[in-house]
N, C-alpha and C. Protein backbone atom coordinates (compact mmCIF):
# COMPACT_ATOMS: atom_id res chain seq x y z
N UNK A 1 14.01 129.17 -97.05
CA UNK A 1 13.01 129.87 -97.82
C UNK A 1 12.13 128.90 -98.61
N UNK A 2 12.71 127.80 -99.08
CA UNK A 2 11.95 126.87 -99.90
C UNK A 2 10.89 126.14 -99.09
N UNK A 3 11.23 125.65 -97.91
CA UNK A 3 10.28 124.90 -97.10
C UNK A 3 9.06 125.73 -96.70
N UNK A 4 9.22 126.96 -96.25
CA UNK A 4 8.02 127.76 -95.95
C UNK A 4 7.15 128.00 -97.19
N UNK A 5 7.77 128.18 -98.34
CA UNK A 5 6.99 128.38 -99.57
C UNK A 5 6.20 127.12 -99.91
N UNK A 6 6.81 125.96 -99.76
CA UNK A 6 6.13 124.71 -100.04
C UNK A 6 4.97 124.50 -99.07
N UNK A 7 5.20 124.77 -97.81
CA UNK A 7 4.15 124.63 -96.81
C UNK A 7 2.99 125.60 -97.07
N UNK A 8 3.33 126.83 -97.46
CA UNK A 8 2.29 127.81 -97.75
C UNK A 8 1.46 127.39 -98.96
N UNK A 9 2.11 126.91 -100.00
CA UNK A 9 1.38 126.44 -101.18
C UNK A 9 0.53 125.21 -100.86
N UNK A 10 1.06 124.31 -100.05
CA UNK A 10 0.30 123.13 -99.66
C UNK A 10 -0.93 123.52 -98.85
N UNK A 11 -0.77 124.45 -97.93
CA UNK A 11 -1.89 124.92 -97.13
C UNK A 11 -2.94 125.62 -97.99
N UNK A 12 -2.50 126.43 -98.93
CA UNK A 12 -3.43 127.10 -99.83
C UNK A 12 -4.18 126.11 -100.72
N UNK A 13 -3.48 125.11 -101.21
CA UNK A 13 -4.12 124.09 -102.04
C UNK A 13 -5.15 123.31 -101.23
N UNK A 14 -4.79 122.92 -100.04
CA UNK A 14 -5.72 122.19 -99.18
C UNK A 14 -6.93 123.05 -98.86
N UNK A 15 -6.71 124.33 -98.59
CA UNK A 15 -7.81 125.24 -98.29
C UNK A 15 -8.77 125.38 -99.46
N UNK A 16 -8.23 125.49 -100.67
CA UNK A 16 -9.09 125.60 -101.85
C UNK A 16 -9.89 124.32 -102.07
N UNK A 17 -9.26 123.18 -101.86
CA UNK A 17 -9.97 121.91 -102.04
C UNK A 17 -11.03 121.71 -100.96
N UNK A 18 -10.81 122.26 -99.79
CA UNK A 18 -11.77 122.14 -98.71
C UNK A 18 -12.98 123.05 -98.93
N UNK A 19 -12.80 124.12 -99.68
CA UNK A 19 -13.91 125.05 -99.95
C UNK A 19 -15.05 124.38 -100.71
N UNK A 20 -14.74 123.44 -101.59
CA UNK A 20 -15.79 122.77 -102.37
C UNK A 20 -16.84 122.11 -101.50
N UNK A 21 -16.45 121.17 -100.64
CA UNK A 21 -17.46 120.51 -99.79
C UNK A 21 -18.11 121.48 -98.79
N UNK A 22 -17.36 122.45 -98.31
CA UNK A 22 -17.93 123.35 -97.31
C UNK A 22 -18.93 124.34 -97.91
N UNK A 23 -18.69 124.79 -99.12
CA UNK A 23 -19.55 125.80 -99.74
C UNK A 23 -20.56 125.21 -100.71
N UNK A 24 -20.57 123.90 -100.88
CA UNK A 24 -21.44 123.27 -101.86
C UNK A 24 -22.92 123.58 -101.61
N UNK A 25 -23.34 123.53 -100.39
CA UNK A 25 -24.76 123.76 -100.09
C UNK A 25 -25.12 125.25 -100.08
N UNK A 26 -24.16 126.12 -99.99
CA UNK A 26 -24.44 127.56 -99.92
C UNK A 26 -24.45 128.23 -101.29
N UNK A 27 -23.90 127.59 -102.27
CA UNK A 27 -23.74 128.21 -103.58
C UNK A 27 -24.56 127.44 -104.60
N UNK A 28 -25.41 128.12 -105.32
CA UNK A 28 -26.19 127.46 -106.37
C UNK A 28 -25.73 127.99 -107.72
N UNK A 29 -25.47 127.07 -108.61
CA UNK A 29 -25.00 127.42 -109.95
C UNK A 29 -26.10 127.14 -110.95
N UNK A 30 -26.17 127.99 -111.96
CA UNK A 30 -27.16 127.76 -113.01
C UNK A 30 -26.75 126.54 -113.83
N UNK A 31 -27.70 126.02 -114.59
CA UNK A 31 -27.41 124.85 -115.43
C UNK A 31 -26.33 125.19 -116.46
N UNK A 32 -26.38 126.38 -117.01
CA UNK A 32 -25.37 126.79 -118.00
C UNK A 32 -23.98 126.85 -117.37
N UNK A 33 -23.89 127.37 -116.17
CA UNK A 33 -22.60 127.44 -115.49
C UNK A 33 -22.05 126.05 -115.22
N UNK A 34 -22.90 125.12 -114.82
CA UNK A 34 -22.46 123.74 -114.60
C UNK A 34 -21.93 123.11 -115.87
N UNK A 35 -22.62 123.35 -116.98
CA UNK A 35 -22.17 122.81 -118.27
C UNK A 35 -20.82 123.41 -118.65
N UNK A 36 -20.68 124.71 -118.48
CA UNK A 36 -19.41 125.37 -118.82
C UNK A 36 -18.27 124.88 -117.93
N UNK A 37 -18.53 124.66 -116.66
CA UNK A 37 -17.49 124.14 -115.77
C UNK A 37 -17.08 122.73 -116.16
N UNK A 38 -18.04 121.92 -116.55
CA UNK A 38 -17.73 120.55 -116.98
C UNK A 38 -16.90 120.57 -118.25
N UNK A 39 -17.24 121.44 -119.16
CA UNK A 39 -16.49 121.53 -120.42
C UNK A 39 -15.11 122.14 -120.23
N UNK A 40 -14.96 122.99 -119.25
CA UNK A 40 -13.66 123.64 -119.03
C UNK A 40 -12.59 122.63 -118.66
N UNK A 41 -12.96 121.58 -117.97
CA UNK A 41 -12.00 120.53 -117.64
C UNK A 41 -11.49 119.83 -118.89
N UNK A 42 -12.38 119.56 -119.82
CA UNK A 42 -11.99 118.92 -121.08
C UNK A 42 -11.09 119.86 -121.88
N UNK A 43 -11.45 121.13 -121.93
CA UNK A 43 -10.64 122.11 -122.67
C UNK A 43 -9.24 122.22 -122.06
N UNK A 44 -9.15 122.26 -120.75
CA UNK A 44 -7.86 122.34 -120.08
C UNK A 44 -7.01 121.11 -120.39
N UNK A 45 -7.61 119.94 -120.34
CA UNK A 45 -6.88 118.71 -120.65
C UNK A 45 -6.40 118.71 -122.09
N UNK A 46 -7.23 119.16 -123.01
CA UNK A 46 -6.83 119.21 -124.43
C UNK A 46 -5.70 120.20 -124.67
N UNK A 47 -5.75 121.35 -124.00
CA UNK A 47 -4.67 122.31 -124.19
C UNK A 47 -3.36 121.80 -123.61
N UNK A 48 -3.42 121.09 -122.50
CA UNK A 48 -2.20 120.51 -121.93
C UNK A 48 -1.64 119.44 -122.85
N UNK A 49 -2.51 118.62 -123.43
CA UNK A 49 -2.06 117.58 -124.36
C UNK A 49 -1.45 118.21 -125.61
N UNK A 50 -2.09 119.24 -126.13
CA UNK A 50 -1.56 119.90 -127.33
C UNK A 50 -0.20 120.55 -127.05
N UNK A 51 -0.07 121.19 -125.91
CA UNK A 51 1.21 121.80 -125.55
C UNK A 51 2.30 120.76 -125.42
N UNK A 52 1.99 119.64 -124.80
CA UNK A 52 2.98 118.58 -124.64
C UNK A 52 3.32 117.94 -125.97
N UNK A 53 2.36 117.84 -126.86
CA UNK A 53 2.58 117.18 -128.14
C UNK A 53 3.34 118.06 -129.12
N UNK A 54 3.17 119.36 -129.03
CA UNK A 54 3.73 120.24 -130.04
C UNK A 54 5.00 120.97 -129.64
N UNK A 55 5.30 121.04 -128.36
CA UNK A 55 6.47 121.82 -127.95
C UNK A 55 7.42 121.00 -127.09
N UNK A 56 8.66 121.39 -127.15
CA UNK A 56 9.68 120.87 -126.25
C UNK A 56 10.59 122.04 -125.89
N UNK A 57 10.78 122.26 -124.63
CA UNK A 57 11.54 123.45 -124.23
C UNK A 57 10.75 124.69 -124.61
N UNK A 58 11.37 125.52 -125.45
CA UNK A 58 10.70 126.74 -125.90
C UNK A 58 10.43 126.73 -127.39
N UNK A 59 10.51 125.55 -128.01
CA UNK A 59 10.33 125.50 -129.45
C UNK A 59 9.44 124.36 -129.90
N UNK A 60 9.30 124.27 -131.20
CA UNK A 60 8.49 123.23 -131.82
C UNK A 60 9.15 121.87 -131.63
N UNK A 61 8.36 120.86 -131.33
CA UNK A 61 8.89 119.52 -131.04
C UNK A 61 9.26 118.74 -132.29
N UNK A 62 8.91 119.23 -133.45
CA UNK A 62 9.15 118.49 -134.68
C UNK A 62 7.87 117.79 -135.11
N UNK A 63 7.92 117.11 -136.24
CA UNK A 63 6.73 116.51 -136.81
C UNK A 63 6.46 115.09 -136.32
N UNK A 64 7.46 114.41 -135.82
CA UNK A 64 7.25 113.01 -135.43
C UNK A 64 6.37 112.88 -134.19
N UNK A 65 6.55 113.73 -133.22
CA UNK A 65 5.75 113.64 -132.00
C UNK A 65 4.27 113.94 -132.25
N UNK A 66 3.92 115.04 -132.94
CA UNK A 66 2.50 115.26 -133.22
C UNK A 66 1.89 114.15 -134.08
N UNK A 67 2.66 113.57 -134.98
CA UNK A 67 2.14 112.47 -135.79
C UNK A 67 1.82 111.27 -134.90
N UNK A 68 2.69 110.97 -133.96
CA UNK A 68 2.43 109.87 -133.03
C UNK A 68 1.21 110.13 -132.16
N UNK A 69 1.07 111.36 -131.69
CA UNK A 69 -0.10 111.71 -130.89
C UNK A 69 -1.38 111.59 -131.72
N UNK A 70 -1.30 112.01 -132.98
CA UNK A 70 -2.46 111.90 -133.86
C UNK A 70 -2.86 110.44 -134.08
N UNK A 71 -1.88 109.56 -134.26
CA UNK A 71 -2.18 108.13 -134.43
C UNK A 71 -2.81 107.58 -133.15
N UNK A 72 -2.24 107.92 -132.01
CA UNK A 72 -2.81 107.45 -130.74
C UNK A 72 -4.22 107.96 -130.50
N UNK A 73 -4.46 109.23 -130.83
CA UNK A 73 -5.79 109.81 -130.66
C UNK A 73 -6.80 109.16 -131.60
N UNK A 74 -6.37 108.90 -132.84
CA UNK A 74 -7.28 108.25 -133.80
C UNK A 74 -7.66 106.84 -133.32
N UNK A 75 -6.70 106.12 -132.80
CA UNK A 75 -7.00 104.78 -132.29
C UNK A 75 -7.88 104.84 -131.04
N UNK A 76 -7.65 105.83 -130.21
CA UNK A 76 -8.50 105.98 -129.02
C UNK A 76 -9.93 106.31 -129.41
N UNK A 77 -10.09 107.15 -130.43
CA UNK A 77 -11.44 107.48 -130.90
C UNK A 77 -12.15 106.28 -131.52
N UNK A 78 -11.37 105.36 -132.06
CA UNK A 78 -11.94 104.15 -132.64
C UNK A 78 -12.10 103.05 -131.60
N UNK A 79 -11.92 103.42 -130.33
CA UNK A 79 -12.11 102.52 -129.19
C UNK A 79 -11.09 101.38 -129.14
N UNK A 80 -9.89 101.64 -129.61
CA UNK A 80 -8.83 100.64 -129.46
C UNK A 80 -8.42 100.62 -127.99
N UNK A 81 -7.80 99.54 -127.57
CA UNK A 81 -7.37 99.47 -126.18
C UNK A 81 -6.26 100.50 -125.92
N UNK A 82 -6.13 100.88 -124.68
CA UNK A 82 -5.13 101.88 -124.30
C UNK A 82 -3.73 101.43 -124.69
N UNK A 83 -3.42 100.16 -124.44
CA UNK A 83 -2.10 99.65 -124.75
C UNK A 83 -1.81 99.73 -126.25
N UNK A 84 -2.77 99.37 -127.06
CA UNK A 84 -2.60 99.42 -128.51
C UNK A 84 -2.39 100.86 -128.97
N UNK A 85 -3.17 101.79 -128.45
CA UNK A 85 -3.04 103.19 -128.84
C UNK A 85 -1.68 103.75 -128.45
N UNK A 86 -1.21 103.45 -127.25
CA UNK A 86 0.08 103.96 -126.79
C UNK A 86 1.22 103.35 -127.58
N UNK A 87 1.16 102.05 -127.79
CA UNK A 87 2.23 101.39 -128.56
C UNK A 87 2.26 101.87 -130.00
N UNK A 88 1.11 102.07 -130.61
CA UNK A 88 1.07 102.57 -131.98
C UNK A 88 1.61 104.00 -132.06
N UNK A 89 1.27 104.82 -131.09
CA UNK A 89 1.78 106.20 -131.06
C UNK A 89 3.29 106.21 -130.90
N UNK A 90 3.79 105.39 -129.99
CA UNK A 90 5.24 105.32 -129.78
C UNK A 90 5.95 104.77 -131.02
N UNK A 91 5.36 103.75 -131.64
CA UNK A 91 5.97 103.17 -132.85
C UNK A 91 5.98 104.17 -133.99
N UNK A 92 4.92 104.93 -134.12
CA UNK A 92 4.86 105.95 -135.18
C UNK A 92 5.93 107.00 -134.96
N UNK A 93 6.03 107.51 -133.74
CA UNK A 93 7.03 108.52 -133.43
C UNK A 93 8.45 107.98 -133.64
N UNK A 94 8.70 106.78 -133.14
CA UNK A 94 10.03 106.19 -133.28
C UNK A 94 10.35 105.91 -134.75
N UNK A 95 9.37 105.41 -135.49
CA UNK A 95 9.60 105.11 -136.91
C UNK A 95 9.92 106.36 -137.71
N UNK A 96 9.19 107.43 -137.46
CA UNK A 96 9.46 108.69 -138.16
C UNK A 96 10.82 109.26 -137.79
N UNK A 97 11.18 109.13 -136.54
CA UNK A 97 12.50 109.61 -136.13
C UNK A 97 13.62 108.76 -136.74
N UNK A 98 13.36 107.47 -136.85
CA UNK A 98 14.33 106.58 -137.48
C UNK A 98 14.52 106.93 -138.95
N UNK A 99 13.46 107.39 -139.60
CA UNK A 99 13.54 107.82 -140.99
C UNK A 99 14.15 109.21 -141.15
N UNK A 100 14.45 109.87 -140.03
CA UNK A 100 15.10 111.17 -140.08
C UNK A 100 14.18 112.35 -139.92
N UNK A 101 12.88 112.11 -139.71
CA UNK A 101 11.93 113.19 -139.50
C UNK A 101 11.88 113.51 -138.03
N UNK A 102 12.31 114.66 -137.65
CA UNK A 102 12.30 115.04 -136.24
C UNK A 102 11.06 115.79 -135.98
């Protein structure tokens, strides 16, 4: 049962991805629709990041993880290198957990 389900999902995914190039010339979108579609990707990414930062399992992740994400995001906004932002976020989270803040 699992293999047919995987194959069906893979075929459906491939079909949806193939629709873009095939229907690109037949479908015209307004400028507003293009802007909204471009922004929707950013919104989706932000919601996934927020969900990962704030929850674990079915509950709140605690205060150390969101604090680390906030430090990493602040450094990224200030154009720090990726490595510096990730290391600072991890150090913040680890330091707060070491102090007993979960």
